[in-house]
N, C-alpha and C. Protein backbone atom coordinates (compact mmCIF):
# COMPACT_ATOMS: atom_id res chain seq x y z
N UNK A 1 42.57 -28.69 -3.46
CA UNK A 1 41.50 -28.39 -4.41
C UNK A 1 40.12 -28.59 -3.76
N UNK A 2 39.98 -29.63 -2.97
CA UNK A 2 38.69 -29.90 -2.32
C UNK A 2 38.30 -28.77 -1.38
N UNK A 3 39.30 -28.21 -0.73
CA UNK A 3 39.04 -27.13 0.22
C UNK A 3 38.46 -25.91 -0.52
N UNK A 4 38.97 -25.58 -1.67
CA UNK A 4 38.46 -24.46 -2.46
C UNK A 4 37.02 -24.70 -2.91
N UNK A 5 36.73 -25.92 -3.30
CA UNK A 5 35.37 -26.26 -3.74
C UNK A 5 34.41 -26.13 -2.56
N UNK A 6 34.80 -26.59 -1.39
CA UNK A 6 33.95 -26.48 -0.20
C UNK A 6 33.72 -25.01 0.18
N UNK A 7 34.76 -24.23 0.10
CA UNK A 7 34.62 -22.80 0.42
C UNK A 7 33.69 -22.13 -0.59
N UNK A 8 33.88 -22.42 -1.86
CA UNK A 8 33.03 -21.83 -2.90
C UNK A 8 31.58 -22.27 -2.71
N UNK A 9 31.36 -23.52 -2.37
CA UNK A 9 30.01 -24.02 -2.13
C UNK A 9 29.39 -23.35 -0.91
N UNK A 10 30.16 -23.17 0.14
CA UNK A 10 29.66 -22.51 1.35
C UNK A 10 29.29 -21.06 1.06
N UNK A 11 30.11 -20.37 0.29
CA UNK A 11 29.82 -18.97 -0.08
C UNK A 11 28.54 -18.92 -0.92
N UNK A 12 28.39 -19.85 -1.83
CA UNK A 12 27.20 -19.89 -2.68
C UNK A 12 25.95 -20.14 -1.84
N UNK A 13 26.00 -21.07 -0.92
CA UNK A 13 24.85 -21.37 -0.04
C UNK A 13 24.50 -20.15 0.81
N UNK A 14 25.49 -19.49 1.37
CA UNK A 14 25.24 -18.30 2.19
C UNK A 14 24.62 -17.19 1.34
N UNK A 15 25.11 -17.02 0.12
CA UNK A 15 24.57 -15.99 -0.76
C UNK A 15 23.11 -16.28 -1.11
N UNK A 16 22.80 -17.53 -1.41
CA UNK A 16 21.42 -17.90 -1.74
C UNK A 16 20.51 -17.69 -0.53
N UNK A 17 20.96 -18.11 0.64
CA UNK A 17 20.17 -17.89 1.85
C UNK A 17 19.96 -16.41 2.12
N UNK A 18 20.98 -15.61 1.90
CA UNK A 18 20.86 -14.16 2.07
C UNK A 18 19.84 -13.56 1.12
N UNK A 19 19.83 -14.01 -0.13
CA UNK A 19 18.85 -13.53 -1.09
C UNK A 19 17.43 -13.93 -0.70
N UNK A 20 17.26 -15.13 -0.19
CA UNK A 20 15.94 -15.58 0.25
C UNK A 20 15.45 -14.73 1.41
N UNK A 21 16.32 -14.49 2.39
CA UNK A 21 15.94 -13.65 3.54
C UNK A 21 15.61 -12.24 3.08
N UNK A 22 16.40 -11.69 2.18
CA UNK A 22 16.15 -10.35 1.66
C UNK A 22 14.80 -10.28 0.93
N UNK A 23 14.49 -11.30 0.17
CA UNK A 23 13.22 -11.33 -0.55
C UNK A 23 12.04 -11.39 0.42
N UNK A 24 12.18 -12.14 1.49
CA UNK A 24 11.11 -12.24 2.48
C UNK A 24 10.94 -10.92 3.22
N UNK A 25 12.03 -10.30 3.60
CA UNK A 25 11.98 -9.04 4.37
C UNK A 25 11.43 -7.90 3.52
N UNK A 26 11.83 -7.82 2.26
CA UNK A 26 11.44 -6.68 1.43
C UNK A 26 10.08 -6.86 0.76
N UNK A 27 9.45 -7.97 0.97
CA UNK A 27 8.14 -8.21 0.37
C UNK A 27 7.12 -7.26 0.99
N UNK A 28 6.34 -6.54 0.16
CA UNK A 28 5.37 -5.61 0.73
C UNK A 28 4.26 -6.36 1.46
N UNK A 29 3.71 -5.69 2.44
CA UNK A 29 2.60 -6.28 3.19
C UNK A 29 1.39 -6.43 2.26
N UNK A 30 0.56 -7.43 2.52
CA UNK A 30 -0.62 -7.57 1.68
C UNK A 30 -1.55 -6.36 1.83
N UNK A 31 -2.21 -6.02 0.76
CA UNK A 31 -3.10 -4.86 0.79
C UNK A 31 -4.33 -5.15 1.65
N UNK A 32 -4.75 -4.16 2.42
CA UNK A 32 -5.99 -4.35 3.18
C UNK A 32 -7.18 -4.39 2.22
N UNK A 33 -8.24 -5.04 2.66
CA UNK A 33 -9.44 -5.14 1.83
C UNK A 33 -10.65 -4.64 2.61
N UNK A 34 -11.66 -4.26 1.86
CA UNK A 34 -12.94 -3.84 2.43
C UNK A 34 -14.01 -4.29 1.44
N UNK A 35 -14.96 -5.04 1.92
CA UNK A 35 -16.05 -5.59 1.10
C UNK A 35 -15.52 -6.29 -0.16
N UNK A 36 -14.44 -7.04 0.01
CA UNK A 36 -13.91 -7.85 -1.07
C UNK A 36 -13.02 -7.13 -2.07
N UNK A 37 -12.82 -5.82 -1.90
CA UNK A 37 -11.95 -5.06 -2.82
C UNK A 37 -10.70 -4.62 -2.08
N UNK A 38 -9.57 -4.64 -2.80
CA UNK A 38 -8.31 -4.21 -2.21
C UNK A 38 -8.24 -2.68 -2.18
N UNK A 39 -7.28 -2.16 -1.44
CA UNK A 39 -7.08 -0.72 -1.36
C UNK A 39 -6.84 -0.15 -2.76
N UNK A 40 -6.04 -0.82 -3.57
CA UNK A 40 -5.77 -0.33 -4.94
C UNK A 40 -7.05 -0.22 -5.75
N UNK A 41 -7.94 -1.18 -5.60
CA UNK A 41 -9.21 -1.13 -6.33
C UNK A 41 -10.06 0.05 -5.87
N UNK A 42 -10.07 0.32 -4.56
CA UNK A 42 -10.81 1.47 -4.06
C UNK A 42 -10.18 2.77 -4.54
N UNK A 43 -8.84 2.82 -4.62
CA UNK A 43 -8.16 4.02 -5.08
C UNK A 43 -8.52 4.34 -6.54
N UNK A 44 -8.65 3.30 -7.35
CA UNK A 44 -9.01 3.50 -8.76
C UNK A 44 -10.41 4.13 -8.86
N UNK A 45 -11.30 3.75 -7.95
CA UNK A 45 -12.66 4.28 -7.97
C UNK A 45 -12.77 5.70 -7.44
N UNK A 46 -11.76 6.16 -6.70
CA UNK A 46 -11.79 7.49 -6.09
C UNK A 46 -11.32 8.53 -7.10
N UNK A 47 -12.17 9.50 -7.40
CA UNK A 47 -11.78 10.59 -8.29
C UNK A 47 -12.46 11.88 -7.85
N UNK A 48 -12.23 12.95 -8.58
CA UNK A 48 -12.76 14.26 -8.19
C UNK A 48 -13.97 14.68 -9.02
N UNK A 49 -14.50 13.78 -9.82
CA UNK A 49 -15.65 14.11 -10.66
C UNK A 49 -16.92 14.18 -9.81
N UNK A 50 -17.60 15.34 -9.80
CA UNK A 50 -18.83 15.45 -9.00
C UNK A 50 -19.92 14.48 -9.42
N UNK A 51 -19.88 14.02 -10.66
CA UNK A 51 -20.89 13.06 -11.13
C UNK A 51 -20.73 11.70 -10.45
N UNK A 52 -19.58 11.45 -9.86
CA UNK A 52 -19.31 10.16 -9.20
C UNK A 52 -19.37 10.27 -7.68
N UNK A 53 -20.20 11.17 -7.17
CA UNK A 53 -20.24 11.43 -5.73
C UNK A 53 -20.52 10.18 -4.91
N UNK A 54 -21.50 9.39 -5.30
CA UNK A 54 -21.83 8.18 -4.53
C UNK A 54 -20.65 7.21 -4.52
N UNK A 55 -20.02 7.03 -5.67
CA UNK A 55 -18.86 6.15 -5.78
C UNK A 55 -17.70 6.67 -4.93
N UNK A 56 -17.48 7.99 -4.98
CA UNK A 56 -16.40 8.59 -4.20
C UNK A 56 -16.66 8.47 -2.71
N UNK A 57 -17.92 8.67 -2.30
CA UNK A 57 -18.26 8.53 -0.89
C UNK A 57 -18.04 7.10 -0.40
N UNK A 58 -18.42 6.13 -1.23
CA UNK A 58 -18.21 4.73 -0.87
C UNK A 58 -16.71 4.41 -0.78
N UNK A 59 -15.94 4.92 -1.74
CA UNK A 59 -14.49 4.71 -1.72
C UNK A 59 -13.87 5.35 -0.49
N UNK A 60 -14.31 6.55 -0.16
CA UNK A 60 -13.78 7.25 1.01
C UNK A 60 -14.09 6.47 2.29
N UNK A 61 -15.31 5.95 2.39
CA UNK A 61 -15.66 5.14 3.58
C UNK A 61 -14.80 3.89 3.66
N UNK A 62 -14.57 3.26 2.51
CA UNK A 62 -13.76 2.04 2.49
C UNK A 62 -12.33 2.33 2.94
N UNK A 63 -11.75 3.40 2.41
CA UNK A 63 -10.37 3.76 2.76
C UNK A 63 -10.28 4.15 4.22
N UNK A 64 -11.26 4.92 4.67
CA UNK A 64 -11.28 5.33 6.07
C UNK A 64 -11.40 4.12 7.00
N UNK A 65 -12.20 3.14 6.60
CA UNK A 65 -12.38 1.95 7.45
C UNK A 65 -11.11 1.09 7.51
N UNK A 66 -10.27 1.17 6.50
CA UNK A 66 -9.01 0.41 6.50
C UNK A 66 -8.03 1.00 7.51
N UNK A 67 -8.15 2.28 7.75
CA UNK A 67 -7.35 2.94 8.79
C UNK A 67 -5.86 2.77 8.61
N UNK A 68 -5.18 2.46 9.71
CA UNK A 68 -3.72 2.37 9.73
C UNK A 68 -3.19 1.26 8.83
N UNK A 69 -4.00 0.26 8.55
CA UNK A 69 -3.55 -0.83 7.67
C UNK A 69 -3.26 -0.33 6.26
N UNK A 70 -3.90 0.76 5.85
CA UNK A 70 -3.71 1.29 4.50
C UNK A 70 -2.44 2.13 4.36
N UNK A 71 -1.93 2.64 5.46
CA UNK A 71 -0.80 3.57 5.40
C UNK A 71 0.44 3.00 4.70
N UNK A 72 0.90 1.79 5.02
CA UNK A 72 2.11 1.30 4.33
C UNK A 72 1.93 1.22 2.81
N UNK A 73 0.75 0.83 2.37
CA UNK A 73 0.51 0.73 0.92
C UNK A 73 0.48 2.12 0.31
N UNK A 74 -0.18 3.07 0.96
CA UNK A 74 -0.24 4.43 0.44
C UNK A 74 1.16 5.06 0.39
N UNK A 75 1.95 4.84 1.41
CA UNK A 75 3.32 5.37 1.43
C UNK A 75 4.15 4.74 0.32
N UNK A 76 3.98 3.45 0.10
CA UNK A 76 4.70 2.76 -0.98
C UNK A 76 4.33 3.37 -2.33
N UNK A 77 3.06 3.66 -2.53
CA UNK A 77 2.61 4.27 -3.79
C UNK A 77 3.26 5.64 -3.96
N UNK A 78 3.29 6.42 -2.89
CA UNK A 78 3.90 7.75 -2.97
C UNK A 78 5.40 7.66 -3.27
N UNK A 79 6.07 6.67 -2.73
CA UNK A 79 7.51 6.52 -2.96
C UNK A 79 7.81 6.11 -4.39
N UNK A 80 6.89 5.44 -5.06
CA UNK A 80 7.11 5.03 -6.45
C UNK A 80 7.05 6.22 -7.40
N UNK A 81 6.44 7.31 -6.96
CA UNK A 81 6.39 8.57 -7.71
C UNK A 81 5.71 8.45 -9.07
N UNK A 82 4.75 7.55 -9.20
CA UNK A 82 3.94 7.50 -10.40
C UNK A 82 2.79 8.48 -10.18
N UNK A 83 2.87 9.66 -10.80
CA UNK A 83 2.07 10.81 -10.41
C UNK A 83 0.56 10.58 -10.36
N UNK A 84 -0.09 9.97 -11.36
CA UNK A 84 -1.55 9.83 -11.23
C UNK A 84 -1.95 9.01 -10.01
N UNK A 85 -1.25 7.92 -9.74
CA UNK A 85 -1.58 7.09 -8.60
C UNK A 85 -1.17 7.78 -7.30
N UNK A 86 -0.06 8.50 -7.33
CA UNK A 86 0.38 9.22 -6.14
C UNK A 86 -0.63 10.29 -5.75
N UNK A 87 -1.22 10.96 -6.74
CA UNK A 87 -2.24 11.96 -6.46
C UNK A 87 -3.44 11.32 -5.77
N UNK A 88 -3.86 10.17 -6.27
CA UNK A 88 -4.99 9.47 -5.66
C UNK A 88 -4.62 9.00 -4.26
N UNK A 89 -3.38 8.56 -4.07
CA UNK A 89 -2.94 8.14 -2.73
C UNK A 89 -2.98 9.32 -1.77
N UNK A 90 -2.60 10.51 -2.24
CA UNK A 90 -2.68 11.70 -1.40
C UNK A 90 -4.13 12.03 -1.06
N UNK A 91 -5.02 11.87 -2.03
CA UNK A 91 -6.45 12.07 -1.75
C UNK A 91 -6.91 11.10 -0.67
N UNK A 92 -6.47 9.85 -0.77
CA UNK A 92 -6.86 8.84 0.21
C UNK A 92 -6.31 9.18 1.60
N UNK A 93 -5.08 9.66 1.65
CA UNK A 93 -4.53 10.07 2.94
C UNK A 93 -5.34 11.22 3.53
N UNK A 94 -5.78 12.13 2.66
CA UNK A 94 -6.63 13.22 3.13
C UNK A 94 -7.93 12.71 3.69
N UNK A 95 -8.49 11.69 3.04
CA UNK A 95 -9.73 11.08 3.53
C UNK A 95 -9.51 10.50 4.91
N UNK A 96 -8.34 9.87 5.12
CA UNK A 96 -8.08 9.22 6.39
C UNK A 96 -7.74 10.22 7.49
N UNK A 97 -7.06 11.31 7.14
CA UNK A 97 -6.54 12.22 8.16
C UNK A 97 -7.50 13.33 8.54
N UNK A 98 -8.36 13.74 7.62
CA UNK A 98 -9.29 14.82 7.92
C UNK A 98 -10.54 14.26 8.58
N UNK A 99 -11.06 14.94 9.58
CA UNK A 99 -12.29 14.45 10.20
C UNK A 99 -13.45 14.53 9.22
N UNK A 100 -14.24 13.47 9.13
CA UNK A 100 -15.36 13.44 8.19
C UNK A 100 -16.70 13.35 8.90
N UNK A 101 -16.69 13.23 10.19
CA UNK A 101 -17.94 13.10 10.92
C UNK A 101 -18.56 14.47 11.13
N UNK A 102 -19.89 14.59 11.02
CA UNK A 102 -20.54 15.89 11.17
C UNK A 102 -20.19 16.60 12.48
N UNK A 103 -20.07 15.89 13.57
CA UNK A 103 -19.75 16.53 14.85
C UNK A 103 -18.34 17.14 14.82
N UNK A 104 -17.42 16.48 14.14
CA UNK A 104 -16.03 16.97 14.12
C UNK A 104 -15.90 18.19 13.19
N UNK A 105 -16.70 18.24 12.15
CA UNK A 105 -16.57 19.32 11.18
C UNK A 105 -17.54 20.46 11.46
N UNK A 106 -18.49 20.28 12.36
CA UNK A 106 -19.45 21.31 12.69
C UNK A 106 -20.55 21.45 11.67
N UNK A 107 -20.73 20.44 10.82
CA UNK A 107 -21.82 20.49 9.82
C UNK A 107 -23.14 20.08 10.40
């Protein structure tokens, strides 16, 4: 009987340790920040309304400055398939991937 209890306890300990390791591995990376705001906060400020041009330009600069650090978070948002946020994430990816400097665009 003692042997069964020890085996059951060992299996339980291994299972708990496995869950802890899985939780640590699957934890998303912390969001990058710019001027004290997280990527999610900048994404909320980014929209297509021409009346918000200054706000959109500031959000675009913030997202662009985050660079590669923002990609895992943006990809995670796209994988969740929550359409309004996914659309904004796609806009942010466009901000990061398209050249915005006057020399690159010929403006």
